[in-house]
């Protein structure tokens, strides 16, 4: 049975390799930063870029063992 983090990890495309390989984790972080970057979402005022970046960084820190 999956715990809550496992479910979210699956939905965000996070796999075991992201916890083992620092390069893979960093690539994941850059990919999601690019998806939610305000320059790519100029017409969407509902996205709080700062909040999204904080959450992406929190997940990245968990993957890289810095959490």
Protein backbone atom coordinates (compact mmCIF):
# COMPACT_ATOMS: atom_id res chain seq x y z
CA UNK A 1 0.00 0.00 0.00
CA UNK A 2 1.27 3.50 -0.88
CA UNK A 3 1.62 6.21 1.70
CA UNK A 4 0.49 9.74 0.80
CA UNK A 5 3.98 10.83 -0.33
CA UNK A 6 4.21 7.80 -2.60
CA UNK A 7 0.97 8.71 -4.31
CA UNK A 8 2.09 12.28 -4.92
CA UNK A 9 5.51 11.11 -6.06
CA UNK A 10 3.86 8.93 -8.69
CA UNK A 11 1.66 11.79 -9.91
CA UNK A 12 4.71 14.08 -10.17
CA UNK A 13 6.78 11.55 -12.08
CA UNK A 14 9.17 10.95 -9.19
CA UNK A 15 10.76 7.52 -9.17
CA UNK A 16 13.23 5.77 -6.91
CA UNK A 17 16.08 6.92 -9.17
CA UNK A 18 15.38 10.53 -8.18
CA UNK A 19 16.19 9.65 -4.56
CA UNK A 20 19.38 7.80 -5.55
CA UNK A 21 20.75 9.93 -8.41
CA UNK A 22 21.36 13.63 -7.63
CA UNK A 23 21.53 14.46 -11.33
CA UNK A 24 18.11 12.90 -11.97
CA UNK A 25 16.67 14.82 -9.02
CA UNK A 26 18.09 18.08 -10.32
CA UNK A 27 16.72 17.38 -13.80
CA UNK A 28 13.28 16.77 -12.27
CA UNK A 29 13.52 20.09 -10.40
CA UNK A 30 14.52 22.04 -13.53
CA UNK A 31 11.72 20.41 -15.55
CA UNK A 32 9.05 21.46 -13.07
CA UNK A 33 10.53 24.93 -12.63
CA UNK A 34 10.29 25.37 -16.40
CA UNK A 35 6.69 24.13 -16.52
CA UNK A 36 5.54 26.64 -13.91
CA UNK A 37 7.80 29.56 -14.85
CA UNK A 38 5.82 32.83 -15.06
CA UNK A 39 7.23 33.62 -18.51
CA UNK A 40 5.53 30.48 -19.85
CA UNK A 41 2.28 31.18 -18.00
CA UNK A 42 1.81 34.89 -18.68
CA UNK A 43 -1.97 34.62 -19.14
CA UNK A 44 -2.52 32.50 -16.02
CA UNK A 45 -2.71 34.80 -13.00
CA UNK A 46 -3.88 31.95 -10.75
CA UNK A 47 -0.37 30.52 -10.37
CA UNK A 48 1.59 31.84 -7.41
CA UNK A 49 5.09 31.26 -8.78
CA UNK A 50 6.80 31.82 -5.43
CA UNK A 51 4.60 29.27 -3.69
CA UNK A 52 5.04 26.72 -6.48
CA UNK A 53 8.83 27.18 -6.40
CA UNK A 54 8.87 26.71 -2.62
CA UNK A 55 6.99 23.43 -3.00
CA UNK A 56 9.21 22.23 -5.84
CA UNK A 57 12.30 23.06 -3.76
CA UNK A 58 10.82 21.27 -0.73
CA UNK A 59 10.26 18.12 -2.79
CA UNK A 60 13.73 18.41 -4.33
CA UNK A 61 15.29 18.77 -0.87
CA UNK A 62 13.45 15.64 0.26
CA UNK A 63 14.77 13.74 -2.77
CA UNK A 64 18.33 14.95 -2.25
CA UNK A 65 18.30 14.27 1.49
CA UNK A 66 18.39 17.93 2.53
CA UNK A 67 14.92 17.99 4.06
